[in-house]
Amino acid sequence: MVDVLERIREAEAQAEQIKADARRQADEIVAQARHAASALIEEAKRAAREEATKLIAAEEAKAIKEAEEIRRQGAQQAAQLQEEAQAKLPSAVELLFKHVVTRL
């Protein structure tokens, strides 16, 4: 009977050891999973920042090109208006001269 009780105690001790080992392994697995998840989150954040930087740079380049085109068109329109004004200047001077002369 003592032998049976001793074997039961040994089996209980082994069961406790197996449970403790299982808990330790489960804790390790959870810790590794948390570490892996944290690394994945950091990598995703880094990739998102990198992508955002690229998008911002692309949009800035696009805005610069658009601004240059607007400036070019504005300069072209200003030059055209100046040419038109220069072409109309002799007629305007003549009209003004006639107006002044007829009033005297």
Protein backbone atom coordinates (compact mmCIF):
# COMPACT_ATOMS: atom_id res chain seq x y z
CA MET A 1 0.00 0.00 0.00
CA VAL A 2 2.88 2.37 0.78
CA ASP A 3 4.29 1.64 -2.64
CA VAL A 4 1.02 2.66 -4.28
CA LEU A 5 0.87 5.91 -2.29
CA GLU A 6 4.47 6.68 -3.22
CA ARG A 7 3.72 6.13 -6.91
CA ILE A 8 0.66 8.39 -6.64
CA ARG A 9 2.79 11.11 -5.04
CA GLU A 10 5.39 10.75 -7.76
CA ALA A 11 2.69 10.91 -10.44
CA GLU A 12 1.25 14.05 -8.81
CA ALA A 13 4.71 15.61 -8.62
CA GLN A 14 5.30 14.79 -12.28
CA ALA A 15 1.91 16.25 -13.17
CA GLU A 16 2.77 19.46 -11.29
CA GLN A 17 6.13 19.60 -13.05
CA ILE A 18 4.44 19.06 -16.42
CA LYS A 19 1.94 21.86 -15.62
CA ALA A 20 4.75 24.19 -14.54
CA ASP A 21 6.70 23.41 -17.72
CA ALA A 22 3.57 23.97 -19.83
CA ARG A 23 2.94 27.34 -18.12
CA ARG A 24 6.55 28.36 -18.67
CA GLN A 25 6.36 27.37 -22.33
CA ALA A 26 3.03 29.17 -22.75
CA ASP A 27 4.53 32.31 -21.16
CA GLU A 28 7.51 32.08 -23.53
CA ILE A 29 5.22 31.67 -26.54
CA VAL A 30 3.13 34.68 -25.45
CA ALA A 31 6.27 36.76 -24.89
CA GLN A 32 7.64 35.79 -28.31
CA ALA A 33 4.30 36.56 -29.95
CA ARG A 34 4.20 39.97 -28.26
CA HIS A 35 7.76 40.68 -29.35
CA ALA A 36 6.97 39.60 -32.92
CA ALA A 37 3.78 41.70 -32.95
CA SER A 38 5.68 44.72 -31.65
CA ALA A 39 8.34 44.26 -34.34
CA LEU A 40 5.66 43.97 -37.02
CA ILE A 41 3.94 47.12 -35.76
CA GLU A 42 7.21 49.05 -35.78
CA GLU A 43 7.99 47.82 -39.29
CA ALA A 44 4.52 48.83 -40.46
CA LYS A 45 4.96 52.29 -38.91
CA ARG A 46 8.37 52.68 -40.56
CA ALA A 47 6.98 51.60 -43.92
CA ALA A 48 4.03 53.98 -43.54
CA ARG A 49 6.35 56.89 -42.69
CA GLU A 50 8.53 56.03 -45.69
CA GLU A 51 5.51 55.84 -47.98
CA ALA A 52 4.15 59.12 -46.61
CA THR A 53 7.50 60.80 -47.23
CA LYS A 54 7.53 59.52 -50.82
CA LEU A 55 3.95 60.69 -51.40
CA ILE A 56 4.69 64.12 -49.97
CA ALA A 57 7.80 64.46 -52.14
CA ALA A 58 5.86 63.41 -55.24
CA GLU A 59 3.06 65.88 -54.50
CA GLU A 60 5.57 68.66 -53.83
CA ALA A 61 7.26 67.97 -57.17
CA LYS A 62 3.87 67.98 -58.88
CA ALA A 63 2.96 71.28 -57.20
CA ILE A 64 6.28 72.83 -58.26
CA LYS A 65 5.67 71.78 -61.89
CA GLU A 66 2.15 73.19 -61.78
CA ALA A 67 3.41 76.45 -60.26
CA GLU A 68 6.08 76.71 -62.97
CA GLU A 69 3.46 76.16 -65.67
CA ILE A 70 1.20 78.81 -64.14
CA ARG A 71 4.13 81.25 -63.97
CA ARG A 72 5.04 80.49 -67.58
CA GLN A 73 1.46 81.04 -68.73
CA GLY A 74 1.22 84.24 -66.67
CA ALA A 75 4.45 85.58 -68.18
CA GLN A 76 3.23 84.65 -71.66
CA GLN A 77 -0.11 86.41 -71.10
CA ALA A 78 1.65 89.46 -69.65
CA ALA A 79 3.94 89.64 -72.68
CA GLN A 80 0.96 89.31 -75.01
CA LEU A 81 -0.94 92.06 -73.17
CA GLN A 82 2.12 94.28 -73.32
CA GLU A 83 2.42 93.71 -77.08
CA GLU A 84 -1.25 94.51 -77.55
CA ALA A 85 -0.89 97.64 -75.43
CA GLN A 86 2.20 98.71 -77.39
CA ALA A 87 0.32 98.17 -80.65
CA LYS A 88 -2.59 100.33 -79.42
CA LEU A 89 -0.38 103.07 -77.99
CA PRO A 90 -0.06 105.17 -81.18
CA SER A 91 -3.84 105.14 -81.67
CA ALA A 92 -4.39 106.04 -78.02
CA VAL A 93 -1.91 108.92 -78.22
CA GLU A 94 -3.52 110.17 -81.43
CA LEU A 95 -7.01 109.97 -79.92
CA LEU A 96 -5.86 111.78 -76.80
CA PHE A 97 -4.10 114.43 -78.88
CA LYS A 98 -7.26 115.02 -80.98
CA HIS A 99 -9.36 115.25 -77.84
CA VAL A 100 -7.02 117.81 -76.26
CA VAL A 101 -6.68 119.83 -79.48
CA THR A 102 -10.43 120.00 -80.11
CA ARG A 103 -11.03 121.29 -76.58
CA LEU A 104 -8.59 124.14 -76.94
